[in-house]
């Protein structure tokens, strides 16, 4: 049996494969699409999680990689 640590913030009932698949899908833009950047004032749509399907706006830049 292999033990894998659960990422911080991932609840006990959460499916880890959904998180991994979402990360893979958002790594590269598809051919013909522009690369998206997170900038202050940009509109966003939440793709997964408790608030899935909701829209928002970026309020601050925390210098995340």
C-alpha atoms as a PDB file:
ATOM      1  CA  UNK A   1       0.000   0.000   0.000  1.00  0.00           C
ATOM      2  CA  UNK A   2       1.384   3.362  -1.035  1.00  0.00           C
ATOM      3  CA  UNK A   3       0.689   6.385   1.135  1.00  0.00           C
ATOM      4  CA  UNK A   4       0.172   9.726  -0.636  1.00  0.00           C
ATOM      5  CA  UNK A   5      -0.104  12.965   1.274  1.00  0.00           C
ATOM      6  CA  UNK A   6      -3.262  14.937   0.586  1.00  0.00           C
ATOM      7  CA  UNK A   7      -2.606  18.440  -0.760  1.00  0.00           C
ATOM      8  CA  UNK A   8      -3.426  21.190   1.711  1.00  0.00           C
ATOM      9  CA  UNK A   9      -6.987  22.417   1.233  1.00  0.00           C
ATOM     10  CA  UNK A  10      -8.232  19.217  -0.434  1.00  0.00           C
ATOM     11  CA  UNK A  11     -11.051  17.806   1.695  1.00  0.00           C
ATOM     12  CA  UNK A  12     -11.440  14.164   2.640  1.00  0.00           C
ATOM     13  CA  UNK A  13     -14.255  13.571   0.147  1.00  0.00           C
ATOM     14  CA  UNK A  14     -12.543  15.378  -2.735  1.00  0.00           C
ATOM     15  CA  UNK A  15     -11.365  13.487  -5.790  1.00  0.00           C
ATOM     16  CA  UNK A  16      -7.652  14.049  -6.390  1.00  0.00           C
ATOM     17  CA  UNK A  17      -7.890  13.062 -10.076  1.00  0.00           C
ATOM     18  CA  UNK A  18     -10.180  16.034 -10.811  1.00  0.00           C
ATOM     19  CA  UNK A  19      -7.520  18.371  -9.459  1.00  0.00           C
ATOM     20  CA  UNK A  20      -4.770  16.684 -11.486  1.00  0.00           C
ATOM     21  CA  UNK A  21      -6.821  16.681 -14.727  1.00  0.00           C
ATOM     22  CA  UNK A  22      -7.710  20.374 -14.336  1.00  0.00           C
ATOM     23  CA  UNK A  23      -4.047  21.275 -13.878  1.00  0.00           C
ATOM     24  CA  UNK A  24      -3.074  19.350 -17.028  1.00  0.00           C
ATOM     25  CA  UNK A  25      -5.849  20.926 -19.106  1.00  0.00           C
ATOM     26  CA  UNK A  26      -4.859  24.478 -18.197  1.00  0.00           C
ATOM     27  CA  UNK A  27      -1.101  24.259 -18.734  1.00  0.00           C
ATOM     28  CA  UNK A  28      -0.900  25.165 -22.447  1.00  0.00           C
ATOM     29  CA  UNK A  29      -3.212  27.157 -24.709  1.00  0.00           C
ATOM     30  CA  UNK A  30      -4.657  25.204 -27.621  1.00  0.00           C
ATOM     31  CA  UNK A  31      -3.568  25.990 -31.152  1.00  0.00           C
ATOM     32  CA  UNK A  32      -5.092  29.259 -32.326  1.00  0.00           C
ATOM     33  CA  UNK A  33      -5.822  30.505 -28.799  1.00  0.00           C
ATOM     34  CA  UNK A  34      -3.965  33.282 -27.033  1.00  0.00           C
ATOM     35  CA  UNK A  35      -2.167  32.678 -23.740  1.00  0.00           C
ATOM     36  CA  UNK A  36      -4.226  33.996 -20.822  1.00  0.00           C
ATOM     37  CA  UNK A  37      -2.648  35.961 -17.993  1.00  0.00           C
ATOM     38  CA  UNK A  38      -3.959  36.823 -14.538  1.00  0.00           C
ATOM     39  CA  UNK A  39      -3.931  40.599 -14.181  1.00  0.00           C
ATOM     40  CA  UNK A  40      -5.780  42.962 -11.848  1.00  0.00           C
ATOM     41  CA  UNK A  41      -9.246  43.682 -13.222  1.00  0.00           C
ATOM     42  CA  UNK A  42      -9.435  40.527 -15.373  1.00  0.00           C
ATOM     43  CA  UNK A  43     -12.697  38.574 -15.438  1.00  0.00           C
ATOM     44  CA  UNK A  44     -12.550  34.932 -14.334  1.00  0.00           C
ATOM     45  CA  UNK A  45     -14.826  31.891 -14.224  1.00  0.00           C
ATOM     46  CA  UNK A  46     -14.350  29.208 -11.562  1.00  0.00           C
ATOM     47  CA  UNK A  47     -14.072  25.788 -13.201  1.00  0.00           C
ATOM     48  CA  UNK A  48     -14.162  23.510 -10.168  1.00  0.00           C
ATOM     49  CA  UNK A  49     -14.836  23.465  -6.464  1.00  0.00           C
ATOM     50  CA  UNK A  50     -17.641  24.686  -4.260  1.00  0.00           C
ATOM     51  CA  UNK A  51     -18.157  27.841  -6.344  1.00  0.00           C
ATOM     52  CA  UNK A  52     -17.962  26.114  -9.754  1.00  0.00           C
ATOM     53  CA  UNK A  53     -19.584  28.066 -12.577  1.00  0.00           C
ATOM     54  CA  UNK A  54     -19.493  31.428 -10.800  1.00  0.00           C
ATOM     55  CA  UNK A  55     -17.765  34.471 -12.252  1.00  0.00           C
ATOM     56  CA  UNK A  56     -15.495  36.983 -10.558  1.00  0.00           C
ATOM     57  CA  UNK A  57     -12.877  39.644 -11.041  1.00  0.00           C
ATOM     58  CA  UNK A  58      -9.213  39.703  -9.990  1.00  0.00           C
ATOM     59  CA  UNK A  59      -8.750  42.279  -7.207  1.00  0.00           C
ATOM     60  CA  UNK A  60      -5.042  42.010  -6.446  1.00  0.00           C
ATOM     61  CA  UNK A  61      -1.854  40.453  -7.756  1.00  0.00           C
ATOM     62  CA  UNK A  62      -0.090  38.305  -5.174  1.00  0.00           C
ATOM     63  CA  UNK A  63       2.907  37.622  -7.465  1.00  0.00           C
ATOM     64  CA  UNK A  64       2.047  33.951  -7.809  1.00  0.00           C
ATOM     65  CA  UNK A  65       4.127  31.952 -10.313  1.00  0.00           C
END
